[in-house]
Amino acid sequence: MARRRLERNLTQAALAEQAGVSKRTVERLEAGEVATQLSVFVRVCRALELVDRLEAFIPEPVPSPVAQLKLQGRTRRRASGSKLAPKKPKKWTWGEP
């Protein structure tokens, strides 16, 4: 926020006045402290013309661990054997090796 404020050549006091918040609030936001209300943060972003970039602050949702397991599918735990019909052994008779 501080970089954007400086790019726009604004003092903290001028930004605070444009956003309708106190100078101390701007100082806290620039220091990385949490705003007491989301609306305060949005006001400052609006004054800095950053509202269209708010989604950059929101991480992409990731599936829960249970959903990740469901997406992977089940892993095989044992072999099922051959699905072809078993070959019948040739009948052995006397005299064959």
Protein backbone atom coordinates (compact mmCIF):
# COMPACT_ATOMS: atom_id res chain seq x y z
CA MET A 1 0.00 0.00 0.00
CA ALA A 2 2.79 2.38 0.83
CA ARG A 3 4.38 1.86 -2.58
CA ARG A 4 1.10 2.57 -4.34
CA ARG A 5 0.54 5.65 -2.18
CA LEU A 6 4.00 6.94 -3.06
CA GLU A 7 3.44 6.20 -6.76
CA ARG A 8 0.37 8.42 -6.58
CA ASN A 9 2.44 11.07 -4.71
CA LEU A 10 0.15 11.06 -1.66
CA THR A 11 1.04 11.62 1.96
CA GLN A 12 -0.46 9.36 4.58
CA ALA A 13 -2.61 12.26 5.74
CA ALA A 14 -3.88 12.96 2.21
CA LEU A 15 -4.70 9.28 1.66
CA ALA A 16 -6.47 9.10 5.00
CA GLU A 17 -8.57 12.15 4.09
CA GLN A 18 -9.50 10.71 0.68
CA ALA A 19 -10.42 7.36 2.23
CA GLY A 20 -12.31 8.89 5.13
CA VAL A 21 -10.17 7.21 7.77
CA SER A 22 -7.63 8.42 10.29
CA LYS A 23 -3.94 8.86 9.48
CA ARG A 24 -3.14 6.30 12.18
CA THR A 25 -5.29 3.76 10.33
CA VAL A 26 -3.27 4.29 7.16
CA GLU A 27 -0.05 3.92 9.17
CA ARG A 28 -1.28 0.63 10.62
CA LEU A 29 -2.32 -0.75 7.25
CA GLU A 30 1.03 0.13 5.71
CA ALA A 31 2.80 -1.51 8.64
CA GLY A 32 0.88 -4.72 7.95
CA GLU A 33 -1.34 -4.53 10.98
CA VAL A 34 -4.88 -5.81 10.64
CA ALA A 35 -7.66 -3.31 9.99
CA THR A 36 -10.39 -3.36 12.59
CA GLN A 37 -13.01 -3.48 9.86
CA LEU A 38 -12.93 -4.77 6.33
CA SER A 39 -14.74 -1.65 5.18
CA VAL A 40 -11.76 0.47 6.30
CA PHE A 41 -9.41 -1.62 4.21
CA VAL A 42 -11.72 -1.36 1.21
CA ARG A 43 -11.98 2.42 1.62
CA VAL A 44 -8.20 2.77 1.49
CA CYS A 45 -7.97 0.41 -1.50
CA ARG A 46 -10.65 2.42 -3.25
CA ALA A 47 -8.74 5.67 -2.64
CA LEU A 48 -5.61 4.03 -4.08
CA GLU A 49 -7.61 2.64 -7.03
CA LEU A 50 -6.78 -0.93 -6.00
CA VAL A 51 -10.32 -2.29 -5.69
CA ASP A 52 -9.99 -4.23 -8.95
CA ARG A 53 -6.94 -6.01 -7.46
CA LEU A 54 -8.62 -7.13 -4.24
CA GLU A 55 -8.91 -10.67 -5.52
CA ALA A 56 -5.11 -10.88 -5.45
CA PHE A 57 -5.34 -10.86 -1.64
CA ILE A 58 -7.68 -13.85 -1.62
CA PRO A 59 -5.93 -17.21 -2.05
CA GLU A 60 -7.34 -19.80 -4.42
CA PRO A 61 -9.47 -22.30 -2.53
CA VAL A 62 -7.96 -25.75 -2.23
CA PRO A 63 -9.96 -28.92 -1.76
CA SER A 64 -10.20 -30.24 1.76
CA PRO A 65 -8.11 -33.32 2.62
CA VAL A 66 -11.20 -35.51 2.36
CA ALA A 67 -12.05 -34.09 -1.06
CA GLN A 68 -8.45 -34.63 -2.19
CA LEU A 69 -8.69 -38.29 -1.22
CA LYS A 70 -11.94 -38.64 -3.14
CA LEU A 71 -10.36 -37.03 -6.19
CA GLN A 72 -7.44 -39.48 -6.10
CA GLY A 73 -9.71 -42.49 -6.19
CA ARG A 74 -9.15 -45.74 -4.42
CA THR A 75 -5.78 -47.42 -4.47
CA ARG A 76 -5.57 -51.12 -5.06
CA ARG A 77 -4.83 -53.16 -2.00
CA ARG A 78 -4.67 -56.62 -3.55
CA ALA A 79 -4.58 -58.34 -6.92
CA SER A 80 -7.80 -59.66 -8.30
CA GLY A 81 -6.20 -62.40 -10.35
CA SER A 82 -6.57 -63.09 -14.03
CA LYS A 83 -9.97 -62.47 -15.50
CA LEU A 84 -9.30 -64.94 -18.33
CA ALA A 85 -10.57 -68.48 -18.01
CA PRO A 86 -7.92 -70.60 -16.33
CA LYS A 87 -6.05 -72.93 -18.65
CA LYS A 88 -6.83 -76.55 -18.04
CA PRO A 89 -3.67 -78.57 -17.67
CA LYS A 90 -3.06 -81.24 -20.27
CA LYS A 91 -3.91 -84.60 -18.84
CA TRP A 92 -0.74 -86.52 -18.08
CA THR A 93 -0.42 -90.10 -19.16
CA TRP A 94 2.21 -92.80 -18.53
CA GLY A 95 5.20 -92.63 -20.77
CA GLU A 96 5.24 -88.86 -21.30
CA PRO A 97 8.13 -86.84 -19.98
